[in-house]
Amino acid sequence: MFEIGKDIYRLGGRVAKKRDLERSRLRWVHGIILVLFLVFFLKTLYYGFMGTGQSGKSVNNKDWVVTRADIEDRNGVKLAQNVASGRIQLRAKAVKNPDLVANVIHQVFPYKYSVNQVHELMKKHSYFVLKEDATEDEIKNIKAAEKEYKDELSGLEIVPKQRRRYPKHNLFAHVVGFVGKEGVGLEGAEKVFDSYLRENTDPLRLSLDTRIQEQFHDRLAEAMQIYHAKSAMGMLMNSRTGEMVAMVSLPDYDPENVSAYPVENRRFKQIRDVLEMGSVFKIFNTALAYENNIHKKYFVGKPYVLRTRSGKYITTFHDVTKFEKQWMDVDEIMVHSCNVGSVQIALEFPAGVQPEFFHKLHLDEKLDLDFGKTESPIFPKKWGITDVAAVSFGHTVAVTPMHLLLGVNAVTNGGIYINPTIKKRDLGRIQGTRVLSEEISAKLRENMVRVVEETSGKLTRINGISIGGKTGTAEKRVHGMIDKKRNVTTFVGIFPAEAPQYIIMINLDEPQAVAESYGWRTASLNSVPTARKILDGILPLLFK
């Protein structure tokens, strides 16, 4: 017999005591795990800030595992690569021979640390980074000292790390870009292809050619000096594949020392500058004339006065040059770059034709390319009669150089719009969109050849190859007002003209009137001769 309440209580008491004991043991286990975790966490944090603490630990090539893929040009030339480096640090508490350590540091960094400065550092800091990204020679010198003095150099340490190097320095600055301290791409291909570069070990192969890039860079730098230009830009693209073969923007910077240059130097002008391009737009105006079956002559012997239907005066369009011919047809208006004739042609277009055509060429929208997004072009919102007239010769609208290059390529390569790329393309069919008939494209090329043979593009003529081109000289707008003393000059060329394989574009910003340009600031006397020098250098490389 048993009393229900009492006997159950006794049993419950024994169970409760057993449970309390188990809980106590679990608390001890949890506590031990927590302590171990905290020790591991603090140690990891310490090593993250202070290094491994192993004196003399250096990069071992046998254990070398790249953490970011290389970037190469189309021929395999290294443009960006990770190299073995190390952080050289000093842990004062571990130093056994302060005098020896101070002398070795001074010998390795003679211009950065004196012996006395090292002693001061050891007094004031328990830990100090002497060099974040040490060079091979610096690492080699410290390792040699370690071998000679062994444990006497305790406290002086090399912590292995990887450093991003740009062997061509300024040459590909805007295209390749650079990485930040954390190894993440911040500009150019380093940023656009950041995921690929971090997740792969196979090189990223670009479409650009170092040999061609060098020619552009040297000649554009020379042009800036000769014409005292504010900046210069040049591009070469494969007309059929859209592969960018050269892209130079000056002034530039060294990706290995970005902070030493003004921020403005990092501006990738090909996709960032939005400019009025002037008479190059007459290529588009002429294409529209052909599409709308306009084949007559226009009087160009005097300025053209634009009036409303009621006869009210609006504005006058004129040409700087006085032409020998007073009447010109559509072809001649383009070849001789006649503003008065271009305006009269445009005023005959059906309403809405211009904006529709520019939209087909993507000239009116921001482009999302595989090497970055362009700035948005500036186009008229309502397309009034003065806009229609001014756009015919490249004013009132502003686009990036990349917009213009792609637009001209589309109407001259047979009428196919092709998206550009900085990645080397595999052999195979290239996808594009037809924007113009082959017949009209061929007629435009004929006119561009005449420009080179007869008028403003004469200085680009080269024996043995047919080149077609068009110049443009535009007056810049400063604070909304036109400044006639500040020009943007442009030359766009295609070659071989009968079946284009390449398109070239040269652009100079604010070239001055100098003796070499006979006191003028027009494209025919600065951008054109610059293009000629570049062509002289690259044609033997392109057509071996």
Protein backbone atom coordinates (compact mmCIF):
# COMPACT_ATOMS: atom_id res chain seq x y z
CA MET A 1 0.00 0.00 0.00
CA PHE A 2 1.12 3.50 -0.55
CA GLU A 3 -0.13 7.01 -0.11
CA ILE A 4 -0.61 8.34 -3.54
CA GLY A 5 0.67 11.84 -3.11
CA LYS A 6 3.67 11.05 -0.94
CA ASP A 7 5.11 8.14 -2.94
CA ILE A 8 4.76 9.96 -6.24
CA TYR A 9 6.50 13.02 -4.77
CA ARG A 10 9.45 10.86 -3.65
CA LEU A 11 9.81 9.42 -7.16
CA GLY A 12 9.46 12.86 -8.71
CA GLY A 13 12.16 14.20 -6.45
CA ARG A 14 14.65 11.60 -7.62
CA VAL A 15 13.82 12.36 -11.31
CA ALA A 16 14.12 16.08 -10.73
CA LYS A 17 17.56 15.70 -9.15
CA LYS A 18 18.70 13.57 -12.09
CA ARG A 19 17.44 16.21 -14.53
CA ASP A 20 19.21 19.01 -12.65
CA LEU A 21 22.47 17.05 -12.86
CA GLU A 22 22.05 16.58 -16.63
CA ARG A 23 21.28 20.26 -17.09
CA SER A 24 24.40 21.18 -15.12
CA ARG A 25 26.55 18.97 -17.34
CA LEU A 26 25.01 20.50 -20.50
CA ARG A 27 25.78 23.99 -19.19
CA TRP A 28 29.46 22.98 -18.76
CA VAL A 29 29.59 21.55 -22.30
CA HIS A 30 27.93 24.67 -23.72
CA GLY A 31 30.33 26.87 -21.81
CA ILE A 32 33.39 24.97 -23.06
CA ILE A 33 32.11 25.17 -26.69
CA LEU A 34 31.47 28.91 -26.31
CA VAL A 35 34.95 29.51 -24.92
CA LEU A 36 36.55 27.52 -27.74
CA PHE A 37 34.48 29.44 -30.31
CA LEU A 38 35.50 32.79 -28.82
CA VAL A 39 39.17 31.77 -28.81
CA PHE A 40 38.92 30.65 -32.46
CA PHE A 41 37.06 33.84 -33.44
CA LEU A 42 39.50 36.18 -31.67
CA LYS A 43 42.49 34.32 -33.07
CA THR A 44 41.08 34.53 -36.59
CA LEU A 45 40.36 38.22 -36.13
CA TYR A 46 43.85 38.76 -34.78
CA TYR A 47 45.48 37.04 -37.74
CA GLY A 48 43.27 38.96 -40.11
CA PHE A 49 44.65 42.22 -38.77
CA MET A 50 48.10 41.18 -37.64
CA GLY A 51 49.12 38.40 -40.00
CA THR A 52 50.00 34.81 -39.17
CA GLY A 53 52.72 35.64 -36.67
CA GLN A 54 55.15 33.29 -38.39
CA SER A 55 58.43 35.11 -38.73
CA GLY A 56 59.75 35.17 -42.25
CA LYS A 57 56.73 33.42 -43.79
CA SER A 58 56.80 34.22 -47.50
CA VAL A 59 55.06 33.37 -50.73
CA ASN A 60 55.63 29.78 -51.81
CA ASN A 61 55.22 29.41 -55.57
CA LYS A 62 54.38 25.72 -55.15
CA ASP A 63 51.28 26.69 -53.16
CA TRP A 64 50.40 29.60 -55.46
CA VAL A 65 46.67 29.65 -56.26
CA VAL A 66 45.51 32.70 -58.19
CA THR A 67 42.45 34.41 -56.70
CA ARG A 68 41.61 36.55 -59.75
CA ALA A 69 41.90 35.64 -63.42
CA ASP A 70 44.29 37.45 -65.76
CA ILE A 71 43.10 39.85 -68.47
CA GLU A 72 44.79 39.50 -71.86
CA ASP A 73 44.63 41.23 -75.23
CA ARG A 74 43.51 39.32 -78.34
CA ASN A 75 47.04 37.93 -78.83
CA GLY A 76 47.59 36.78 -75.24
CA VAL A 77 49.54 39.82 -74.02
CA LYS A 78 48.98 40.29 -70.26
CA LEU A 79 47.01 43.42 -69.40
CA ALA A 80 46.17 42.58 -65.78
CA GLN A 81 47.37 39.77 -63.54
CA ASN A 82 47.75 38.77 -59.91
CA VAL A 83 51.33 38.35 -58.75
CA ALA A 84 52.81 36.99 -55.56
CA SER A 85 53.40 39.76 -53.05
CA GLY A 86 53.43 40.19 -49.31
CA ARG A 87 52.67 42.55 -46.46
CA ILE A 88 55.85 43.37 -44.55
CA GLN A 89 55.03 43.99 -40.92
CA LEU A 90 56.77 44.58 -37.62
CA ARG A 91 55.65 43.13 -34.26
CA ALA A 92 57.67 45.01 -31.66
CA LYS A 93 57.04 42.58 -28.77
CA ALA A 94 58.57 39.72 -30.76
CA VAL A 95 61.75 41.64 -31.63
CA LYS A 96 64.87 40.18 -29.96
CA ASN A 97 67.55 42.33 -31.60
CA PRO A 98 66.14 45.86 -32.13
CA ASP A 99 69.37 47.28 -33.59
CA LEU A 100 69.68 44.55 -36.20
CA VAL A 101 66.00 44.75 -37.15
CA ALA A 102 66.20 48.55 -37.50
CA ASN A 103 69.28 48.29 -39.73
CA VAL A 104 67.73 45.65 -41.98
CA ILE A 105 64.53 47.66 -42.42
CA HIS A 106 66.56 50.75 -43.28
CA GLN A 107 68.58 48.79 -45.86
CA VAL A 108 65.40 47.42 -47.49
CA PHE A 109 63.56 50.79 -47.39
CA PRO A 110 66.41 53.36 -47.40
CA TYR A 111 64.21 56.30 -48.43
CA LYS A 112 61.24 55.43 -46.28
CA TYR A 113 62.66 54.47 -42.88
CA SER A 114 65.79 55.61 -41.10
CA VAL A 115 67.25 53.51 -38.27
CA ASN A 116 66.01 56.04 -35.69
CA GLN A 117 62.51 56.02 -37.18
CA VAL A 118 62.32 52.24 -36.84
CA HIS A 119 63.37 52.45 -33.18
CA GLU A 120 60.65 55.05 -32.60
CA LEU A 121 58.08 52.80 -34.27
CA MET A 122 59.04 49.91 -31.98
CA LYS A 123 58.60 52.15 -28.93
CA LYS A 124 55.23 53.59 -29.95
CA HIS A 125 53.55 50.64 -31.71
CA SER A 126 53.25 47.00 -30.83
CA TYR A 127 52.35 46.28 -34.45
CA PHE A 128 53.09 48.24 -37.62
CA VAL A 129 52.73 47.60 -41.38
CA LEU A 130 55.96 48.66 -43.07
CA LYS A 131 54.76 47.96 -46.64
CA GLU A 132 51.31 46.73 -47.69
CA ASP A 133 52.25 45.52 -51.17
CA ALA A 134 55.91 44.67 -51.17
CA THR A 135 57.85 44.29 -54.40
CA GLU A 136 59.72 41.13 -55.36
CA ASP A 137 63.05 42.81 -54.60
CA GLU A 138 61.91 43.95 -51.15
CA ILE A 139 60.70 40.47 -50.27
CA LYS A 140 63.88 38.93 -51.66
CA ASN A 141 66.07 41.28 -49.57
CA ILE A 142 64.26 40.47 -46.35
CA LYS A 143 64.39 36.73 -47.03
CA ALA A 144 68.14 37.02 -47.65
CA ALA A 145 68.56 38.80 -44.30
CA GLU A 146 66.46 36.11 -42.57
CA LYS A 147 68.69 33.42 -44.03
CA GLU A 148 71.77 35.20 -42.76
CA TYR A 149 70.57 36.23 -39.29
CA LYS A 150 67.84 33.61 -38.69
CA ASP A 151 66.04 34.01 -35.34
CA GLU A 152 67.70 37.36 -34.65
CA LEU A 153 65.19 38.96 -37.04
CA SER A 154 62.17 37.75 -35.10
CA GLY A 155 59.34 40.29 -35.20
CA LEU A 156 60.02 41.25 -38.83
CA GLU A 157 57.50 39.27 -40.87
CA ILE A 158 56.28 38.72 -44.41
CA VAL A 159 52.61 37.77 -44.74
CA PRO A 160 51.78 36.29 -48.18
CA LYS A 161 49.19 38.04 -50.32
CA GLN A 162 48.39 38.71 -53.98
CA ARG A 163 48.83 41.98 -55.80
CA ARG A 164 47.07 43.12 -58.99
CA ARG A 165 49.55 44.27 -61.60
CA TYR A 166 48.93 46.13 -64.87
CA PRO A 167 52.01 45.50 -67.07
CA LYS A 168 50.93 48.05 -69.70
CA HIS A 169 50.14 50.70 -67.07
CA ASN A 170 48.40 53.71 -68.73
CA LEU A 171 47.97 52.09 -72.14
CA PHE A 172 44.69 50.28 -71.35
CA ALA A 173 43.66 52.29 -68.30
CA HIS A 174 40.06 53.07 -69.30
CA VAL A 175 39.30 49.73 -70.92
CA VAL A 176 40.82 47.44 -68.29
CA GLY A 177 40.17 49.66 -65.25
CA PHE A 178 41.44 48.68 -61.79
CA VAL A 179 40.53 46.94 -58.54
CA GLY A 180 40.15 48.29 -55.01
CA LYS A 181 41.99 47.20 -51.89
CA GLU A 182 39.55 44.34 -51.36
CA GLY A 183 40.30 43.03 -54.86
CA VAL A 184 36.91 44.01 -56.28
CA GLY A 185 36.76 45.64 -59.72
CA LEU A 186 36.01 49.36 -59.60
CA GLU A 187 36.38 50.51 -63.22
CA GLY A 188 36.47 49.12 -66.77
CA ALA A 189 36.62 45.40 -67.53
CA GLU A 190 37.71 44.76 -63.94
CA LYS A 191 34.29 46.00 -62.83
CA VAL A 192 32.08 44.75 -65.69
CA PHE A 193 33.53 41.23 -65.61
CA ASP A 194 34.24 41.17 -61.86
CA SER A 195 32.25 37.98 -61.22
CA TYR A 196 34.02 36.07 -63.99
CA LEU A 197 37.44 37.26 -62.88
CA ARG A 198 36.84 36.23 -59.25
CA GLU A 199 35.29 32.86 -60.06
CA ASN A 200 37.60 31.65 -62.83
CA THR A 201 41.28 31.00 -63.44
CA ASP A 202 41.17 31.02 -67.26
CA PRO A 203 42.17 34.46 -68.62
CA LEU A 204 39.59 36.95 -69.85
CA ARG A 205 40.58 37.47 -73.49
CA LEU A 206 39.77 40.95 -74.84
CA SER A 207 39.38 41.93 -78.48
CA LEU A 208 41.90 44.77 -78.24
CA ASP A 209 45.34 44.59 -79.82
CA THR A 210 48.29 46.00 -77.85
CA ARG A 211 50.21 46.89 -81.02
CA ILE A 212 47.28 48.91 -82.42
CA GLN A 213 46.55 50.47 -79.03
CA GLU A 214 50.14 51.72 -78.82
CA GLN A 215 49.86 53.45 -82.19
CA PHE A 216 46.67 55.22 -81.15
CA HIS A 217 48.08 56.22 -77.77
CA ASP A 218 51.33 57.65 -79.15
CA ARG A 219 49.74 59.58 -82.01
CA LEU A 220 46.90 60.99 -79.91
CA ALA A 221 49.34 62.13 -77.21
CA GLU A 222 51.36 63.79 -79.95
CA ALA A 223 48.24 65.48 -81.35
CA MET A 224 47.36 66.89 -77.94
CA GLN A 225 50.78 68.53 -77.80
CA ILE A 226 50.80 69.81 -81.38
CA TYR A 227 47.29 71.31 -81.31
CA HIS A 228 47.24 72.12 -77.56
CA ALA A 229 44.02 70.12 -77.23
CA LYS A 230 42.26 69.68 -73.91
CA SER A 231 41.78 65.97 -74.55
CA ALA A 232 41.88 63.37 -77.31
CA MET A 233 40.01 60.15 -78.05
CA GLY A 234 40.41 57.40 -80.64
CA MET A 235 38.76 54.08 -81.52
CA LEU A 236 39.10 51.29 -84.05
CA MET A 237 36.37 48.67 -84.45
CA ASN A 238 35.99 45.65 -86.69
CA SER A 239 33.05 46.67 -88.91
CA ARG A 240 31.80 43.11 -89.29
CA THR A 241 32.20 41.60 -85.81
CA GLY A 242 31.85 44.68 -83.60
CA GLU A 243 35.13 43.82 -81.84
CA MET A 244 36.87 46.89 -80.45
CA VAL A 245 40.51 46.71 -81.57
CA ALA A 246 41.69 49.97 -79.98
CA MET A 247 40.18 52.41 -77.48
CA VAL A 248 42.30 55.29 -76.18
CA SER A 249 41.14 58.22 -74.08
CA LEU A 250 43.55 60.98 -73.03
CA PRO A 251 44.47 62.20 -70.50
CA ASP A 252 44.70 58.85 -68.73
CA TYR A 253 46.13 57.32 -65.53
CA ASP A 254 48.13 54.38 -64.23
CA PRO A 255 45.85 51.69 -62.71
CA GLU A 256 48.65 50.76 -60.30
CA ASN A 257 48.75 54.29 -58.89
CA VAL A 258 45.26 55.73 -59.39
CA SER A 259 45.45 58.23 -56.53
CA ALA A 260 48.37 60.04 -58.18
CA TYR A 261 46.11 61.34 -60.99
CA PRO A 262 43.16 63.75 -61.08
CA VAL A 263 39.77 62.03 -60.90
CA GLU A 264 38.88 63.60 -64.25
CA ASN A 265 41.56 61.46 -65.92
CA ARG A 266 39.45 58.39 -65.21
CA ARG A 267 36.69 59.69 -67.49
CA PHE A 268 36.13 57.13 -70.28
CA LYS A 269 35.35 59.64 -73.01
CA GLN A 270 34.11 57.08 -75.52
CA ILE A 271 31.00 56.45 -73.42
CA ARG A 272 30.94 59.42 -71.01
CA ASP A 273 31.34 62.56 -73.17
CA VAL A 274 28.11 63.79 -74.74
CA LEU A 275 29.00 66.14 -77.59
CA GLU A 276 27.59 67.87 -80.64
CA MET A 277 29.47 66.12 -83.46
CA GLY A 278 28.89 68.54 -86.33
CA SER A 279 29.01 67.58 -89.99
CA VAL A 280 29.54 63.85 -89.50
CA PHE A 281 25.74 63.83 -89.07
CA LYS A 282 25.44 64.72 -92.77
CA ILE A 283 26.03 61.02 -93.42
CA PHE A 284 22.67 60.32 -91.74
CA ASN A 285 21.02 63.27 -93.47
CA THR A 286 22.14 61.94 -96.85
CA ALA A 287 20.94 58.42 -96.01
CA LEU A 288 17.48 59.84 -95.22
CA ALA A 289 17.49 61.77 -98.49
CA TYR A 290 18.13 58.54 -100.41
CA GLU A 291 15.48 56.66 -98.43
CA ASN A 292 12.93 59.36 -99.25
CA ASN A 293 13.87 59.53 -102.93
CA ILE A 294 15.19 63.10 -102.82
CA HIS A 295 17.41 63.58 -105.86
CA LYS A 296 17.38 67.22 -106.85
CA LYS A 297 19.68 70.22 -106.77
CA TYR A 298 19.56 73.03 -104.24
CA PHE A 299 20.72 76.64 -104.39
CA VAL A 300 23.59 77.12 -101.94
CA GLY A 301 25.00 80.41 -103.19
CA LYS A 302 23.80 82.39 -100.16
CA PRO A 303 22.70 81.81 -96.55
CA TYR A 304 19.36 80.07 -96.13
CA VAL A 305 16.76 82.08 -94.20
CA LEU A 306 14.28 79.91 -92.34
CA ARG A 307 10.77 81.38 -92.05
CA THR A 308 7.42 80.20 -90.81
CA ARG A 309 4.51 79.61 -93.19
CA SER A 310 3.34 83.11 -92.45
CA GLY A 311 6.70 84.44 -93.58
CA LYS A 312 8.02 85.32 -90.12
CA TYR A 313 11.82 85.19 -89.89
CA ILE A 314 13.22 82.49 -87.57
CA THR A 315 16.94 82.09 -88.21
CA THR A 316 19.62 81.98 -90.89
CA PHE A 317 21.86 79.04 -91.75
CA HIS A 318 25.16 79.63 -93.50
CA ASP A 319 28.47 78.01 -94.43
CA VAL A 320 31.96 79.09 -93.40
CA THR A 321 33.24 78.08 -96.82
CA LYS A 322 32.12 79.83 -99.99
CA PHE A 323 31.60 77.15 -102.62
CA GLU A 324 32.45 77.45 -106.30
CA LYS A 325 29.16 75.79 -107.22
CA GLN A 326 25.97 77.67 -106.44
CA TRP A 327 23.76 74.63 -107.09
CA MET A 328 24.47 71.20 -105.57
CA ASP A 329 22.76 67.84 -105.61
CA VAL A 330 22.42 65.54 -102.57
CA ASP A 331 25.78 63.82 -103.17
CA GLU A 332 27.67 67.10 -103.58
CA ILE A 333 26.08 68.59 -100.47
CA MET A 334 27.51 65.72 -98.40
CA VAL A 335 30.89 65.65 -100.15
CA HIS A 336 31.42 69.42 -99.79
CA SER A 337 29.79 69.44 -96.32
CA CYS A 338 27.31 72.20 -97.16
CA ASN A 339 25.12 73.32 -94.25
CA VAL A 340 22.76 75.38 -96.41
CA GLY A 341 22.11 72.42 -98.67
CA SER A 342 21.70 69.99 -95.76
CA VAL A 343 19.05 72.20 -94.17
CA GLN A 344 17.03 72.38 -97.39
CA ILE A 345 17.16 68.59 -97.77
CA ALA A 346 16.00 68.01 -94.18
CA LEU A 347 13.07 70.40 -94.55
CA GLU A 348 11.69 68.10 -97.25
CA PHE A 349 11.59 65.02 -95.02
CA PRO A 350 8.13 63.80 -93.97
CA ALA A 351 7.29 64.65 -90.36
CA GLY A 352 8.85 62.31 -87.81
CA VAL A 353 11.34 60.73 -90.23
CA GLN A 354 14.47 62.02 -88.45
CA PRO A 355 13.65 60.84 -84.91
CA GLU A 356 12.46 57.49 -86.25
CA PHE A 357 15.71 56.94 -88.16
CA PHE A 358 17.89 57.96 -85.22
CA HIS A 359 15.95 55.58 -83.00
CA LYS A 360 16.68 52.70 -85.40
CA LEU A 361 20.37 53.54 -84.97
CA HIS A 362 19.99 53.73 -81.15
CA LEU A 363 21.37 57.26 -81.27
CA ASP A 364 18.64 58.56 -78.96
CA GLU A 365 19.04 56.12 -76.07
CA LYS A 366 21.51 55.03 -73.43
CA LEU A 367 23.49 51.97 -74.52
CA ASP A 368 24.18 49.07 -72.16
CA LEU A 369 27.40 47.62 -73.58
CA ASP A 370 29.64 44.85 -72.32
CA PHE A 371 32.22 47.45 -71.30
CA GLY A 372 29.84 49.84 -69.53
CA LYS A 373 26.76 51.98 -69.95
CA THR A 374 26.91 55.14 -72.02
CA GLU A 375 25.56 58.49 -70.96
CA SER A 376 22.15 59.43 -72.36
CA PRO A 377 22.21 61.41 -75.64
CA ILE A 378 20.53 64.80 -75.90
CA PHE A 379 17.83 65.10 -78.57
CA PRO A 380 15.01 67.60 -79.21
CA LYS A 381 11.83 66.84 -77.28
CA LYS A 382 9.34 68.24 -79.78
CA TRP A 383 11.34 68.41 -83.04
CA GLY A 384 10.43 71.91 -84.18
CA ILE A 385 11.36 73.19 -87.61
CA THR A 386 14.64 74.71 -86.40
CA ASP A 387 15.58 71.39 -84.77
CA VAL A 388 14.93 69.51 -88.00
CA ALA A 389 17.18 71.99 -89.82
CA ALA A 390 20.03 72.10 -87.26
CA VAL A 391 20.16 68.34 -86.75
CA SER A 392 20.83 67.91 -90.48
CA PHE A 393 24.41 69.11 -89.94
CA GLY A 394 24.97 67.80 -86.42
CA HIS A 395 23.83 70.58 -84.12
CA THR A 396 21.10 70.64 -81.45
CA VAL A 397 21.77 66.92 -80.83
CA ALA A 398 24.58 65.55 -78.68
CA VAL A 399 25.75 61.94 -78.48
CA THR A 400 28.72 60.01 -77.13
CA PRO A 401 31.56 59.09 -79.51
CA MET A 402 30.47 55.45 -79.19
CA HIS A 403 26.94 56.29 -80.38
CA LEU A 404 28.37 58.02 -83.42
CA LEU A 405 30.83 55.25 -84.26
CA LEU A 406 28.12 52.57 -84.13
CA GLY A 407 25.66 54.69 -86.13
CA VAL A 408 28.14 55.41 -88.93
CA ASN A 409 29.25 51.78 -88.98
CA ALA A 410 25.66 50.61 -89.36
CA VAL A 411 24.92 52.77 -92.41
CA THR A 412 28.24 52.09 -94.16
CA ASN A 413 28.96 48.37 -93.55
CA GLY A 414 26.06 47.28 -95.75
CA GLY A 415 23.28 48.54 -93.49
CA ILE A 416 23.62 46.25 -90.44
CA TYR A 417 23.69 47.58 -86.86
CA ILE A 418 26.14 45.49 -84.83
CA ASN A 419 26.61 45.68 -81.08
CA PRO A 420 30.22 46.34 -80.04
CA THR A 421 32.24 44.20 -77.66
CA ILE A 422 35.63 44.24 -75.97
CA LYS A 423 35.65 40.44 -75.73
CA LYS A 424 37.37 38.49 -78.45
CA ARG A 425 34.63 36.85 -80.49
CA ASP A 426 34.79 33.27 -81.71
CA LEU A 427 34.45 32.53 -85.41
CA GLY A 428 30.87 32.28 -86.54
CA ARG A 429 27.93 34.31 -87.73
CA ILE A 430 27.55 37.70 -86.07
CA GLN A 431 24.01 38.78 -85.25
CA GLY A 432 22.92 42.24 -86.33
CA THR A 433 19.85 44.28 -87.27
CA ARG A 434 19.26 45.71 -90.73
CA VAL A 435 18.71 49.47 -90.60
CA LEU A 436 19.46 50.50 -94.18
CA SER A 437 19.50 48.89 -97.62
CA GLU A 438 22.75 47.64 -99.11
CA GLU A 439 22.27 49.95 -102.11
CA ILE A 440 22.01 53.12 -100.02
CA SER A 441 24.93 51.99 -97.85
CA ALA A 442 27.07 51.57 -100.97
CA LYS A 443 26.16 55.08 -102.19
CA LEU A 444 27.14 56.56 -98.82
CA ARG A 445 30.52 54.84 -99.05
CA GLU A 446 31.07 56.31 -102.51
CA ASN A 447 30.45 59.79 -101.12
CA MET A 448 32.82 59.17 -98.22
CA VAL A 449 35.55 58.12 -100.64
CA ARG A 450 34.99 61.39 -102.51
CA VAL A 451 35.39 63.30 -99.22
CA VAL A 452 38.83 61.72 -98.79
CA GLU A 453 39.82 62.13 -102.43
CA GLU A 454 38.41 65.61 -103.11
CA THR A 455 37.66 67.66 -99.97
CA SER A 456 38.18 67.78 -96.20
CA GLY A 457 39.56 64.25 -95.80
CA LYS A 458 42.41 64.59 -98.32
CA LEU A 459 45.12 64.26 -95.69
CA THR A 460 44.06 60.67 -94.93
CA ARG A 461 44.69 59.40 -98.45
CA ILE A 462 47.04 56.41 -98.49
CA ASN A 463 48.25 54.66 -101.62
CA GLY A 464 47.18 51.06 -102.00
CA ILE A 465 43.95 51.18 -99.97
CA SER A 466 40.64 52.98 -100.47
CA ILE A 467 39.51 54.99 -97.47
CA GLY A 468 36.18 56.72 -97.00
CA GLY A 469 35.63 59.38 -94.37
CA LYS A 470 33.74 62.37 -93.05
CA THR A 471 34.84 65.27 -90.90
CA GLY A 472 32.92 67.26 -88.32
CA THR A 473 33.77 70.54 -86.57
CA ALA A 474 31.32 71.64 -83.90
CA GLU A 475 31.33 74.70 -81.66
CA LYS A 476 31.03 73.79 -78.00
CA ARG A 477 28.29 74.97 -75.71
CA VAL A 478 29.56 76.51 -72.49
CA HIS A 479 26.92 77.22 -69.83
CA GLY A 480 24.26 76.84 -72.52
CA MET A 481 25.87 79.36 -74.88
CA ILE A 482 27.85 78.61 -78.05
CA ASP A 483 31.54 79.49 -77.73
CA LYS A 484 32.96 79.92 -81.24
CA LYS A 485 36.52 79.68 -79.96
CA ARG A 486 36.02 76.19 -78.51
CA ASN A 487 35.64 73.36 -80.98
CA VAL A 488 35.24 69.60 -80.99
CA THR A 489 36.75 68.12 -84.15
CA THR A 490 36.01 64.63 -85.42
CA PHE A 491 37.03 62.31 -88.23
CA VAL A 492 35.26 59.02 -88.93
CA GLY A 493 36.78 56.71 -91.56
CA ILE A 494 36.04 53.31 -93.08
CA PHE A 495 38.44 50.99 -94.90
CA PRO A 496 38.72 49.31 -97.32
CA ALA A 497 35.88 51.49 -98.56
CA GLU A 498 34.49 49.02 -101.11
CA ALA A 499 33.92 46.39 -98.38
CA PRO A 500 34.66 47.88 -94.94
CA GLN A 501 36.51 45.73 -92.45
CA TYR A 502 37.33 48.51 -89.99
CA ILE A 503 35.97 51.84 -88.84
CA ILE A 504 38.18 54.46 -87.18
CA MET A 505 37.21 57.52 -85.18
CA ILE A 506 39.40 60.38 -83.94
CA ASN A 507 38.14 63.20 -81.73
CA LEU A 508 40.02 66.24 -80.38
CA ASP A 509 38.50 68.47 -77.72
CA GLU A 510 39.31 72.18 -77.95
CA PRO A 511 42.29 72.04 -80.36
CA GLN A 512 43.86 75.46 -80.81
CA ALA A 513 44.66 77.44 -83.95
CA VAL A 514 48.37 76.74 -84.35
CA ALA A 515 50.97 77.03 -87.11
CA GLU A 516 50.69 73.29 -87.92
CA SER A 517 46.95 73.77 -88.67
CA TYR A 518 47.59 77.05 -90.55
CA GLY A 519 45.79 79.05 -87.88
CA TRP A 520 42.54 77.06 -88.11
CA ARG A 521 40.74 74.79 -85.64
CA THR A 522 38.83 72.63 -88.14
CA ALA A 523 38.84 68.82 -88.21
CA SER A 524 40.42 68.66 -91.67
CA LEU A 525 43.58 70.25 -90.25
CA ASN A 526 43.93 68.46 -86.89
CA SER A 527 41.81 65.29 -86.51
CA VAL A 528 42.38 64.23 -90.13
CA PRO A 529 46.22 64.42 -90.10
CA THR A 530 46.16 62.62 -86.74
CA ALA A 531 44.10 59.83 -88.28
CA ARG A 532 46.52 59.63 -91.19
CA LYS A 533 49.49 59.10 -88.86
CA ILE A 534 47.60 56.36 -87.01
CA LEU A 535 46.61 54.66 -90.26
CA ASP A 536 50.22 54.72 -91.44
CA GLY A 537 51.20 52.81 -88.31
CA ILE A 538 48.35 50.27 -88.09
CA LEU A 539 47.68 49.24 -91.70
CA PRO A 540 50.80 47.03 -91.92
CA LEU A 541 49.65 45.33 -88.69
CA LEU A 542 46.04 44.83 -89.80
CA PHE A 543 46.75 43.59 -93.31
CA LYS A 544 49.89 41.46 -93.14
